[in-house]
ModelCIF file with pLDDT and N, C-alpha, C, O atoms, coordinates in Angstrom:
data_MODEL
#
_entry.id   MODEL 
#
_entity.id                         1 
_entity.type                       polymer 
_entity.pdbx_number_of_molecules   1 
#
_entity_poly.entity_id                      1 
_entity_poly.type                           'polypeptide(L)' 
_entity_poly.nstd_linkage                   no 
_entity_poly.nstd_monomer                   no 
_entity_poly.pdbx_seq_one_letter_code       GKPKTLYMQTVPSLKMATKPNLKKTLQELELVSGQQILVADVTTPN 
_entity_poly.pdbx_seq_one_letter_code_can   GKPKTLYMQTVPSLKMATKPNLKKTLQELELVSGQQILVADVTTPN 
_entity_poly.pdbx_strand_id                 A 
#
loop_
_entity_poly_seq.entity_id 
_entity_poly_seq.num 
_entity_poly_seq.mon_id 
_entity_poly_seq.hetero 
1 1  GLY n 
1 2  LYS n 
1 3  PRO n 
1 4  LYS n 
1 5  THR n 
1 6  LEU n 
1 7  TYR n 
1 8  MET n 
1 9  GLN n 
1 10 THR n 
1 11 VAL n 
1 12 PRO n 
1 13 SER n 
1 14 LEU n 
1 15 LYS n 
1 16 MET n 
1 17 ALA n 
1 18 THR n 
1 19 LYS n 
1 20 PRO n 
1 21 ASN n 
1 22 LEU n 
1 23 LYS n 
1 24 LYS n 
1 25 THR n 
1 26 LEU n 
1 27 GLN n 
1 28 GLU n 
1 29 LEU n 
1 30 GLU n 
1 31 LEU n 
1 32 VAL n 
1 33 SER n 
1 34 GLY n 
1 35 GLN n 
1 36 GLN n 
1 37 ILE n 
1 38 LEU n 
1 39 VAL n 
1 40 ALA n 
1 41 ASP n 
1 42 VAL n 
1 43 THR n 
1 44 THR n 
1 45 PRO n 
1 46 ASN n 
#
_struct_asym.id          A 
_struct_asym.entity_id   1 
#
loop_
_ma_qa_metric.id 
_ma_qa_metric.mode 
_ma_qa_metric.name 
_ma_qa_metric.software_group_id 
_ma_qa_metric.type 
1 global pLDDT . pLDDT 
2 local  pLDDT . pLDDT 
#
_ma_qa_metric_global.metric_id      1 
_ma_qa_metric_global.metric_value   86.85 
_ma_qa_metric_global.model_id       1 
_ma_qa_metric_global.ordinal_id     1 
#
loop_
_ma_qa_metric_local.label_asym_id 
_ma_qa_metric_local.label_comp_id 
_ma_qa_metric_local.label_seq_id 
_ma_qa_metric_local.metric_id 
_ma_qa_metric_local.metric_value 
_ma_qa_metric_local.model_id 
_ma_qa_metric_local.ordinal_id 
A GLY 1  2 70.00 1 1  
A LYS 2  2 76.00 1 2  
A PRO 3  2 80.00 1 3  
A LYS 4  2 86.00 1 4  
A THR 5  2 89.00 1 5  
A LEU 6  2 92.00 1 6  
A TYR 7  2 92.00 1 7  
A MET 8  2 90.00 1 8  
A GLN 9  2 86.00 1 9  
A THR 10 2 80.00 1 10 
A VAL 11 2 79.00 1 11 
A PRO 12 2 82.00 1 12 
A SER 13 2 82.00 1 13 
A LEU 14 2 84.00 1 14 
A LYS 15 2 87.00 1 15 
A MET 16 2 89.00 1 16 
A ALA 17 2 89.00 1 17 
A THR 18 2 91.00 1 18 
A LYS 19 2 91.00 1 19 
A PRO 20 2 92.00 1 20 
A ASN 21 2 92.00 1 21 
A LEU 22 2 92.00 1 22 
A LYS 23 2 92.00 1 23 
A LYS 24 2 91.00 1 24 
A THR 25 2 91.00 1 25 
A LEU 26 2 90.00 1 26 
A GLN 27 2 88.00 1 27 
A GLU 28 2 89.00 1 28 
A LEU 29 2 88.00 1 29 
A GLU 30 2 85.00 1 30 
A LEU 31 2 88.00 1 31 
A VAL 32 2 87.00 1 32 
A SER 33 2 86.00 1 33 
A GLY 34 2 85.00 1 34 
A GLN 35 2 87.00 1 35 
A GLN 36 2 86.00 1 36 
A ILE 37 2 90.00 1 37 
A LEU 38 2 88.00 1 38 
A VAL 39 2 90.00 1 39 
A ALA 40 2 89.00 1 40 
A ASP 41 2 89.00 1 41 
A VAL 42 2 86.00 1 42 
A THR 43 2 86.00 1 43 
A THR 44 2 86.00 1 44 
A PRO 45 2 86.00 1 45 
A ASN 46 2 81.00 1 46 
#
loop_
_atom_site.group_PDB 
_atom_site.id 
_atom_site.type_symbol 
_atom_site.label_atom_id 
_atom_site.label_alt_id 
_atom_site.label_comp_id 
_atom_site.label_asym_id 
_atom_site.label_entity_id 
_atom_site.label_seq_id 
_atom_site.pdbx_PDB_ins_code 
_atom_site.Cartn_x 
_atom_site.Cartn_y 
_atom_site.Cartn_z 
_atom_site.occupancy 
_atom_site.B_iso_or_equiv 
_atom_site.pdbx_formal_charge 
_atom_site.auth_seq_id 
_atom_site.auth_comp_id 
_atom_site.auth_asym_id 
_atom_site.auth_atom_id 
_atom_site.pdbx_PDB_model_num 
ATOM 1   N N  . GLY A 1 1  ? -2.779  -14.038 5.095   1.00 70.00 ? 1  GLY A N  1 
ATOM 2   C CA . GLY A 1 1  ? -2.774  -13.839 6.541   1.00 70.00 ? 1  GLY A CA 1 
ATOM 3   C C  . GLY A 1 1  ? -1.683  -12.926 7.051   1.00 70.00 ? 1  GLY A C  1 
ATOM 4   O O  . GLY A 1 1  ? -1.567  -12.724 8.259   1.00 70.00 ? 1  GLY A O  1 
ATOM 5   N N  . LYS A 1 2  ? -0.867  -12.359 6.148   1.00 76.00 ? 2  LYS A N  1 
ATOM 6   C CA . LYS A 1 2  ? 0.236   -11.497 6.559   1.00 76.00 ? 2  LYS A CA 1 
ATOM 7   C C  . LYS A 1 2  ? 0.036   -10.094 5.998   1.00 76.00 ? 2  LYS A C  1 
ATOM 8   O O  . LYS A 1 2  ? -0.392  -9.948  4.853   1.00 76.00 ? 2  LYS A O  1 
ATOM 9   N N  . PRO A 1 3  ? 0.338   -9.054  6.785   1.00 80.00 ? 3  PRO A N  1 
ATOM 10  C CA . PRO A 1 3  ? 0.182   -7.681  6.284   1.00 80.00 ? 3  PRO A CA 1 
ATOM 11  C C  . PRO A 1 3  ? 1.211   -7.368  5.199   1.00 80.00 ? 3  PRO A C  1 
ATOM 12  O O  . PRO A 1 3  ? 2.368   -7.781  5.286   1.00 80.00 ? 3  PRO A O  1 
ATOM 13  N N  . LYS A 1 4  ? 0.772   -6.632  4.176   1.00 86.00 ? 4  LYS A N  1 
ATOM 14  C CA . LYS A 1 4  ? 1.656   -6.225  3.091   1.00 86.00 ? 4  LYS A CA 1 
ATOM 15  C C  . LYS A 1 4  ? 1.450   -4.745  2.831   1.00 86.00 ? 4  LYS A C  1 
ATOM 16  O O  . LYS A 1 4  ? 0.330   -4.303  2.576   1.00 86.00 ? 4  LYS A O  1 
ATOM 17  N N  . THR A 1 5  ? 2.525   -3.982  2.895   1.00 89.00 ? 5  THR A N  1 
ATOM 18  C CA . THR A 1 5  ? 2.459   -2.540  2.627   1.00 89.00 ? 5  THR A CA 1 
ATOM 19  C C  . THR A 1 5  ? 2.548   -2.309  1.135   1.00 89.00 ? 5  THR A C  1 
ATOM 20  O O  . THR A 1 5  ? 3.536   -2.674  0.497   1.00 89.00 ? 5  THR A O  1 
ATOM 21  N N  . LEU A 1 6  ? 1.505   -1.698  0.576   1.00 92.00 ? 6  LEU A N  1 
ATOM 22  C CA . LEU A 1 6  ? 1.487   -1.398  -0.848  1.00 92.00 ? 6  LEU A CA 1 
ATOM 23  C C  . LEU A 1 6  ? 2.188   -0.080  -1.142  1.00 92.00 ? 6  LEU A C  1 
ATOM 24  O O  . LEU A 1 6  ? 2.982   0.016   -2.078  1.00 92.00 ? 6  LEU A O  1 
ATOM 25  N N  . TYR A 1 7  ? 1.892   0.930   -0.339  1.00 92.00 ? 7  TYR A N  1 
ATOM 26  C CA . TYR A 1 7  ? 2.546   2.234   -0.501  1.00 92.00 ? 7  TYR A CA 1 
ATOM 27  C C  . TYR A 1 7  ? 2.393   3.030   0.781   1.00 92.00 ? 7  TYR A C  1 
ATOM 28  O O  . TYR A 1 7  ? 1.303   3.106   1.348   1.00 92.00 ? 7  TYR A O  1 
ATOM 29  N N  . MET A 1 8  ? 3.491   3.625   1.236   1.00 90.00 ? 8  MET A N  1 
ATOM 30  C CA . MET A 1 8  ? 3.481   4.440   2.451   1.00 90.00 ? 8  MET A CA 1 
ATOM 31  C C  . MET A 1 8  ? 4.436   5.606   2.239   1.00 90.00 ? 8  MET A C  1 
ATOM 32  O O  . MET A 1 8  ? 5.634   5.403   2.044   1.00 90.00 ? 8  MET A O  1 
ATOM 33  N N  . GLN A 1 9  ? 3.899   6.851   2.277   1.00 86.00 ? 9  GLN A N  1 
ATOM 34  C CA . GLN A 1 9  ? 4.746   8.001   1.971   1.00 86.00 ? 9  GLN A CA 1 
ATOM 35  C C  . GLN A 1 9  ? 5.108   8.843   3.182   1.00 86.00 ? 9  GLN A C  1 
ATOM 36  O O  . GLN A 1 9  ? 5.909   9.771   3.067   1.00 86.00 ? 9  GLN A O  1 
ATOM 37  N N  . THR A 1 10 ? 4.534   8.540   4.345   1.00 80.00 ? 10 THR A N  1 
ATOM 38  C CA . THR A 1 10 ? 4.831   9.350   5.525   1.00 80.00 ? 10 THR A CA 1 
ATOM 39  C C  . THR A 1 10 ? 6.115   8.915   6.222   1.00 80.00 ? 10 THR A C  1 
ATOM 40  O O  . THR A 1 10 ? 6.680   9.669   7.015   1.00 80.00 ? 10 THR A O  1 
ATOM 41  N N  . VAL A 1 11 ? 6.574   7.709   5.931   1.00 79.00 ? 11 VAL A N  1 
ATOM 42  C CA . VAL A 1 11 ? 7.845   7.218   6.493   1.00 79.00 ? 11 VAL A CA 1 
ATOM 43  C C  . VAL A 1 11 ? 8.852   7.129   5.346   1.00 79.00 ? 11 VAL A C  1 
ATOM 44  O O  . VAL A 1 11 ? 8.667   6.320   4.437   1.00 79.00 ? 11 VAL A O  1 
ATOM 45  N N  . PRO A 1 12 ? 9.923   7.949   5.367   1.00 82.00 ? 12 PRO A N  1 
ATOM 46  C CA . PRO A 1 12 ? 10.858  8.017   4.234   1.00 82.00 ? 12 PRO A CA 1 
ATOM 47  C C  . PRO A 1 12 ? 11.379  6.660   3.762   1.00 82.00 ? 12 PRO A C  1 
ATOM 48  O O  . PRO A 1 12 ? 11.432  6.407   2.558   1.00 82.00 ? 12 PRO A O  1 
ATOM 49  N N  . SER A 1 13 ? 11.764  5.785   4.691   1.00 82.00 ? 13 SER A N  1 
ATOM 50  C CA . SER A 1 13 ? 12.321  4.489   4.296   1.00 82.00 ? 13 SER A CA 1 
ATOM 51  C C  . SER A 1 13 ? 11.277  3.628   3.592   1.00 82.00 ? 13 SER A C  1 
ATOM 52  O O  . SER A 1 13 ? 11.577  2.955   2.606   1.00 82.00 ? 13 SER A O  1 
ATOM 53  N N  . LEU A 1 14 ? 10.020  3.656   4.119   1.00 84.00 ? 14 LEU A N  1 
ATOM 54  C CA . LEU A 1 14 ? 8.948   2.890   3.479   1.00 84.00 ? 14 LEU A CA 1 
ATOM 55  C C  . LEU A 1 14 ? 8.558   3.493   2.137   1.00 84.00 ? 14 LEU A C  1 
ATOM 56  O O  . LEU A 1 14 ? 8.185   2.770   1.213   1.00 84.00 ? 14 LEU A O  1 
ATOM 57  N N  . LYS A 1 15 ? 8.643   4.810   2.031   1.00 87.00 ? 15 LYS A N  1 
ATOM 58  C CA . LYS A 1 15 ? 8.313   5.460   0.770   1.00 87.00 ? 15 LYS A CA 1 
ATOM 59  C C  . LYS A 1 15 ? 9.268   5.013   -0.328  1.00 87.00 ? 15 LYS A C  1 
ATOM 60  O O  . LYS A 1 15 ? 8.848   4.724   -1.448  1.00 87.00 ? 15 LYS A O  1 
ATOM 61  N N  . MET A 1 16 ? 10.566  4.959   0.002   1.00 89.00 ? 16 MET A N  1 
ATOM 62  C CA . MET A 1 16 ? 11.563  4.528   -0.977  1.00 89.00 ? 16 MET A CA 1 
ATOM 63  C C  . MET A 1 16 ? 11.348  3.072   -1.354  1.00 89.00 ? 16 MET A C  1 
ATOM 64  O O  . MET A 1 16 ? 11.515  2.694   -2.513  1.00 89.00 ? 16 MET A O  1 
ATOM 65  N N  . ALA A 1 17 ? 10.975  2.250   -0.369  1.00 89.00 ? 17 ALA A N  1 
ATOM 66  C CA . ALA A 1 17 ? 10.820  0.815   -0.622  1.00 89.00 ? 17 ALA A CA 1 
ATOM 67  C C  . ALA A 1 17 ? 9.563   0.499   -1.423  1.00 89.00 ? 17 ALA A C  1 
ATOM 68  O O  . ALA A 1 17 ? 9.546   -0.455  -2.201  1.00 89.00 ? 17 ALA A O  1 
ATOM 69  N N  . THR A 1 18 ? 8.513   1.291   -1.236  1.00 91.00 ? 18 THR A N  1 
ATOM 70  C CA . THR A 1 18 ? 7.221   0.983   -1.873  1.00 91.00 ? 18 THR A CA 1 
ATOM 71  C C  . THR A 1 18 ? 6.906   1.845   -3.088  1.00 91.00 ? 18 THR A C  1 
ATOM 72  O O  . THR A 1 18 ? 5.915   1.593   -3.773  1.00 91.00 ? 18 THR A O  1 
ATOM 73  N N  . LYS A 1 19 ? 7.718   2.849   -3.372  1.00 91.00 ? 19 LYS A N  1 
ATOM 74  C CA . LYS A 1 19 ? 7.449   3.731   -4.509  1.00 91.00 ? 19 LYS A CA 1 
ATOM 75  C C  . LYS A 1 19 ? 7.358   2.986   -5.837  1.00 91.00 ? 19 LYS A C  1 
ATOM 76  O O  . LYS A 1 19 ? 6.529   3.354   -6.669  1.00 91.00 ? 19 LYS A O  1 
ATOM 77  N N  . PRO A 1 20 ? 8.173   1.953   -6.078  1.00 92.00 ? 20 PRO A N  1 
ATOM 78  C CA . PRO A 1 20 ? 8.042   1.215   -7.344  1.00 92.00 ? 20 PRO A CA 1 
ATOM 79  C C  . PRO A 1 20 ? 6.660   0.589   -7.538  1.00 92.00 ? 20 PRO A C  1 
ATOM 80  O O  . PRO A 1 20 ? 6.251   0.351   -8.675  1.00 92.00 ? 20 PRO A O  1 
ATOM 81  N N  . ASN A 1 21 ? 5.933   0.317   -6.448  1.00 92.00 ? 21 ASN A N  1 
ATOM 82  C CA . ASN A 1 21 ? 4.601   -0.286  -6.565  1.00 92.00 ? 21 ASN A CA 1 
ATOM 83  C C  . ASN A 1 21 ? 3.609   0.629   -7.283  1.00 92.00 ? 21 ASN A C  1 
ATOM 84  O O  . ASN A 1 21 ? 2.627   0.158   -7.856  1.00 92.00 ? 21 ASN A O  1 
ATOM 85  N N  . LEU A 1 22 ? 3.867   1.930   -7.251  1.00 92.00 ? 22 LEU A N  1 
ATOM 86  C CA . LEU A 1 22 ? 2.927   2.872   -7.866  1.00 92.00 ? 22 LEU A CA 1 
ATOM 87  C C  . LEU A 1 22 ? 2.777   2.640   -9.367  1.00 92.00 ? 22 LEU A C  1 
ATOM 88  O O  . LEU A 1 22 ? 1.724   2.931   -9.934  1.00 92.00 ? 22 LEU A O  1 
ATOM 89  N N  . LYS A 1 23 ? 3.819   2.117   -10.017 1.00 92.00 ? 23 LYS A N  1 
ATOM 90  C CA . LYS A 1 23 ? 3.779   1.891   -11.465 1.00 92.00 ? 23 LYS A CA 1 
ATOM 91  C C  . LYS A 1 23 ? 3.222   0.519   -11.822 1.00 92.00 ? 23 LYS A C  1 
ATOM 92  O O  . LYS A 1 23 ? 3.033   0.206   -12.998 1.00 92.00 ? 23 LYS A O  1 
ATOM 93  N N  . LYS A 1 24 ? 2.958   -0.301  -10.801 1.00 91.00 ? 24 LYS A N  1 
ATOM 94  C CA . LYS A 1 24 ? 2.449   -1.647  -11.054 1.00 91.00 ? 24 LYS A CA 1 
ATOM 95  C C  . LYS A 1 24 ? 0.925   -1.655  -11.073 1.00 91.00 ? 24 LYS A C  1 
ATOM 96  O O  . LYS A 1 24 ? 0.278   -0.837  -10.419 1.00 91.00 ? 24 LYS A O  1 
ATOM 97  N N  . THR A 1 25 ? 0.359   -2.595  -11.837 1.00 91.00 ? 25 THR A N  1 
ATOM 98  C CA . THR A 1 25 ? -1.092  -2.754  -11.848 1.00 91.00 ? 25 THR A CA 1 
ATOM 99  C C  . THR A 1 25 ? -1.520  -3.540  -10.612 1.00 91.00 ? 25 THR A C  1 
ATOM 100 O O  . THR A 1 25 ? -0.700  -4.150  -9.926  1.00 91.00 ? 25 THR A O  1 
ATOM 101 N N  . LEU A 1 26 ? -2.823  -3.510  -10.346 1.00 90.00 ? 26 LEU A N  1 
ATOM 102 C CA . LEU A 1 26 ? -3.343  -4.240  -9.184  1.00 90.00 ? 26 LEU A CA 1 
ATOM 103 C C  . LEU A 1 26 ? -3.109  -5.739  -9.334  1.00 90.00 ? 26 LEU A C  1 
ATOM 104 O O  . LEU A 1 26 ? -2.835  -6.427  -8.351  1.00 90.00 ? 26 LEU A O  1 
ATOM 105 N N  . GLN A 1 27 ? -3.216  -6.242  -10.549 1.00 88.00 ? 27 GLN A N  1 
ATOM 106 C CA . GLN A 1 27 ? -2.957  -7.657  -10.771 1.00 88.00 ? 27 GLN A CA 1 
ATOM 107 C C  . GLN A 1 27 ? -1.490  -7.989  -10.585 1.00 88.00 ? 27 GLN A C  1 
ATOM 108 O O  . GLN A 1 27 ? -1.152  -9.047  -10.055 1.00 88.00 ? 27 GLN A O  1 
ATOM 109 N N  . GLU A 1 28 ? -0.614  -7.090  -11.019 1.00 89.00 ? 28 GLU A N  1 
ATOM 110 C CA . GLU A 1 28 ? 0.823   -7.322  -10.814 1.00 89.00 ? 28 GLU A CA 1 
ATOM 111 C C  . GLU A 1 28 ? 1.176   -7.324  -9.340  1.00 89.00 ? 28 GLU A C  1 
ATOM 112 O O  . GLU A 1 28 ? 2.147   -7.959  -8.926  1.00 89.00 ? 28 GLU A O  1 
ATOM 113 N N  . LEU A 1 29 ? 0.383   -6.610  -8.543  1.00 88.00 ? 29 LEU A N  1 
ATOM 114 C CA . LEU A 1 29 ? 0.600   -6.596  -7.094  1.00 88.00 ? 29 LEU A CA 1 
ATOM 115 C C  . LEU A 1 29 ? -0.084  -7.776  -6.411  1.00 88.00 ? 29 LEU A C  1 
ATOM 116 O O  . LEU A 1 29 ? -0.097  -7.871  -5.183  1.00 88.00 ? 29 LEU A O  1 
ATOM 117 N N  . GLU A 1 30 ? -0.662  -8.689  -7.229  1.00 85.00 ? 30 GLU A N  1 
ATOM 118 C CA . GLU A 1 30 ? -1.316  -9.915  -6.758  1.00 85.00 ? 30 GLU A CA 1 
ATOM 119 C C  . GLU A 1 30 ? -2.545  -9.619  -5.892  1.00 85.00 ? 30 GLU A C  1 
ATOM 120 O O  . GLU A 1 30 ? -2.864  -10.355 -4.958  1.00 85.00 ? 30 GLU A O  1 
ATOM 121 N N  . LEU A 1 31 ? -3.226  -8.513  -6.237  1.00 88.00 ? 31 LEU A N  1 
ATOM 122 C CA . LEU A 1 31 ? -4.478  -8.192  -5.558  1.00 88.00 ? 31 LEU A CA 1 
ATOM 123 C C  . LEU A 1 31 ? -5.632  -8.826  -6.331  1.00 88.00 ? 31 LEU A C  1 
ATOM 124 O O  . LEU A 1 31 ? -5.581  -8.944  -7.555  1.00 88.00 ? 31 LEU A O  1 
ATOM 125 N N  . VAL A 1 32 ? -6.674  -9.233  -5.602  1.00 87.00 ? 32 VAL A N  1 
ATOM 126 C CA . VAL A 1 32 ? -7.816  -9.892  -6.220  1.00 87.00 ? 32 VAL A CA 1 
ATOM 127 C C  . VAL A 1 32 ? -9.095  -9.150  -5.849  1.00 87.00 ? 32 VAL A C  1 
ATOM 128 O O  . VAL A 1 32 ? -9.135  -8.404  -4.871  1.00 87.00 ? 32 VAL A O  1 
ATOM 129 N N  . SER A 1 33 ? -10.130 -9.366  -6.638  1.00 86.00 ? 33 SER A N  1 
ATOM 130 C CA . SER A 1 33 ? -11.419 -8.752  -6.344  1.00 86.00 ? 33 SER A CA 1 
ATOM 131 C C  . SER A 1 33 ? -11.947 -9.286  -5.018  1.00 86.00 ? 33 SER A C  1 
ATOM 132 O O  . SER A 1 33 ? -11.890 -10.486 -4.752  1.00 86.00 ? 33 SER A O  1 
ATOM 133 N N  . GLY A 1 34 ? -12.461 -8.378  -4.190  1.00 85.00 ? 34 GLY A N  1 
ATOM 134 C CA . GLY A 1 34 ? -12.946 -8.756  -2.868  1.00 85.00 ? 34 GLY A CA 1 
ATOM 135 C C  . GLY A 1 34 ? -11.911 -8.573  -1.772  1.00 85.00 ? 34 GLY A C  1 
ATOM 136 O O  . GLY A 1 34 ? -12.206 -8.787  -0.596  1.00 85.00 ? 34 GLY A O  1 
ATOM 137 N N  . GLN A 1 35 ? -10.692 -8.177  -2.150  1.00 87.00 ? 35 GLN A N  1 
ATOM 138 C CA . GLN A 1 35 ? -9.632  -7.986  -1.167  1.00 87.00 ? 35 GLN A CA 1 
ATOM 139 C C  . GLN A 1 35 ? -9.799  -6.658  -0.442  1.00 87.00 ? 35 GLN A C  1 
ATOM 140 O O  . GLN A 1 35 ? -10.182 -5.656  -1.046  1.00 87.00 ? 35 GLN A O  1 
ATOM 141 N N  . GLN A 1 36 ? -9.515  -6.654  0.843   1.00 86.00 ? 36 GLN A N  1 
ATOM 142 C CA . GLN A 1 36 ? -9.619  -5.427  1.627   1.00 86.00 ? 36 GLN A CA 1 
ATOM 143 C C  . GLN A 1 36 ? -8.341  -4.608  1.504   1.00 86.00 ? 36 GLN A C  1 
ATOM 144 O O  . GLN A 1 36 ? -7.232  -5.137  1.576   1.00 86.00 ? 36 GLN A O  1 
ATOM 145 N N  . ILE A 1 37 ? -8.526  -3.286  1.313   1.00 90.00 ? 37 ILE A N  1 
ATOM 146 C CA . ILE A 1 37 ? -7.414  -2.342  1.279   1.00 90.00 ? 37 ILE A CA 1 
ATOM 147 C C  . ILE A 1 37 ? -7.535  -1.460  2.513   1.00 90.00 ? 37 ILE A C  1 
ATOM 148 O O  . ILE A 1 37 ? -8.553  -0.793  2.702   1.00 90.00 ? 37 ILE A O  1 
ATOM 149 N N  . LEU A 1 38 ? -6.518  -1.451  3.344   1.00 88.00 ? 38 LEU A N  1 
ATOM 150 C CA . LEU A 1 38 ? -6.509  -0.654  4.576   1.00 88.00 ? 38 LEU A CA 1 
ATOM 151 C C  . LEU A 1 38 ? -5.758  0.639   4.303   1.00 88.00 ? 38 LEU A C  1 
ATOM 152 O O  . LEU A 1 38 ? -4.608  0.617   3.867   1.00 88.00 ? 38 LEU A O  1 
ATOM 153 N N  . VAL A 1 39 ? -6.410  1.762   4.561   1.00 90.00 ? 39 VAL A N  1 
ATOM 154 C CA . VAL A 1 39 ? -5.848  3.071   4.220   1.00 90.00 ? 39 VAL A CA 1 
ATOM 155 C C  . VAL A 1 39 ? -5.692  3.921   5.469   1.00 90.00 ? 39 VAL A C  1 
ATOM 156 O O  . VAL A 1 39 ? -6.637  4.079   6.243   1.00 90.00 ? 39 VAL A O  1 
ATOM 157 N N  . ALA A 1 40 ? -4.505  4.465   5.664   1.00 89.00 ? 40 ALA A N  1 
ATOM 158 C CA . ALA A 1 40 ? -4.234  5.398   6.770   1.00 89.00 ? 40 ALA A CA 1 
ATOM 159 C C  . ALA A 1 40 ? -3.945  6.771   6.182   1.00 89.00 ? 40 ALA A C  1 
ATOM 160 O O  . ALA A 1 40 ? -3.302  6.885   5.139   1.00 89.00 ? 40 ALA A O  1 
ATOM 161 N N  . ASP A 1 41 ? -4.427  7.821   6.860   1.00 89.00 ? 41 ASP A N  1 
ATOM 162 C CA . ASP A 1 41 ? -4.232  9.178   6.365   1.00 89.00 ? 41 ASP A CA 1 
ATOM 163 C C  . ASP A 1 41 ? -4.277  10.151  7.540   1.00 89.00 ? 41 ASP A C  1 
ATOM 164 O O  . ASP A 1 41 ? -4.822  9.830   8.596   1.00 89.00 ? 41 ASP A O  1 
ATOM 165 N N  . VAL A 1 42 ? -3.704  11.338  7.355   1.00 86.00 ? 42 VAL A N  1 
ATOM 166 C CA . VAL A 1 42 ? -3.668  12.334  8.431   1.00 86.00 ? 42 VAL A CA 1 
ATOM 167 C C  . VAL A 1 42 ? -5.049  12.878  8.762   1.00 86.00 ? 42 VAL A C  1 
ATOM 168 O O  . VAL A 1 42 ? -5.229  13.499  9.810   1.00 86.00 ? 42 VAL A O  1 
ATOM 169 N N  . THR A 1 43 ? -6.031  12.657  7.886   1.00 86.00 ? 43 THR A N  1 
ATOM 170 C CA . THR A 1 43 ? -7.364  13.179  8.137   1.00 86.00 ? 43 THR A CA 1 
ATOM 171 C C  . THR A 1 43 ? -8.158  12.338  9.130   1.00 86.00 ? 43 THR A C  1 
ATOM 172 O O  . THR A 1 43 ? -9.266  12.721  9.504   1.00 86.00 ? 43 THR A O  1 
ATOM 173 N N  . THR A 1 44 ? -7.621  11.211  9.561   1.00 86.00 ? 44 THR A N  1 
ATOM 174 C CA . THR A 1 44 ? -8.334  10.357  10.501  1.00 86.00 ? 44 THR A CA 1 
ATOM 175 C C  . THR A 1 44 ? -7.350  9.605   11.397  1.00 86.00 ? 44 THR A C  1 
ATOM 176 O O  . THR A 1 44 ? -6.283  9.204   10.930  1.00 86.00 ? 44 THR A O  1 
ATOM 177 N N  . PRO A 1 45 ? -7.688  9.405   12.683  1.00 86.00 ? 45 PRO A N  1 
ATOM 178 C CA . PRO A 1 45 ? -6.820  8.631   13.562  1.00 86.00 ? 45 PRO A CA 1 
ATOM 179 C C  . PRO A 1 45 ? -7.005  7.133   13.380  1.00 86.00 ? 45 PRO A C  1 
ATOM 180 O O  . PRO A 1 45 ? -6.221  6.342   13.905  1.00 86.00 ? 45 PRO A O  1 
ATOM 181 N N  . ASN A 1 46 ? -8.048  6.731   12.633  1.00 81.00 ? 46 ASN A N  1 
ATOM 182 C CA . ASN A 1 46 ? -8.371  5.314   12.465  1.00 81.00 ? 46 ASN A CA 1 
ATOM 183 C C  . ASN A 1 46 ? -8.035  4.847   11.055  1.00 81.00 ? 46 ASN A C  1 
ATOM 184 O O  . ASN A 1 46 ? -8.240  3.679   10.727  1.00 81.00 ? 46 ASN A O  1 
#
């Protein structure tokens, strides 16, 4: 029920904090099948 940032590179402080996650597997990040991944990008406002 709580938001968790997996990786964010547009904000320098968040990029430094979440960069180690890139080397982790999805299971190590405690993600499960059926879980929603929310993605933000400059190509869309939504």
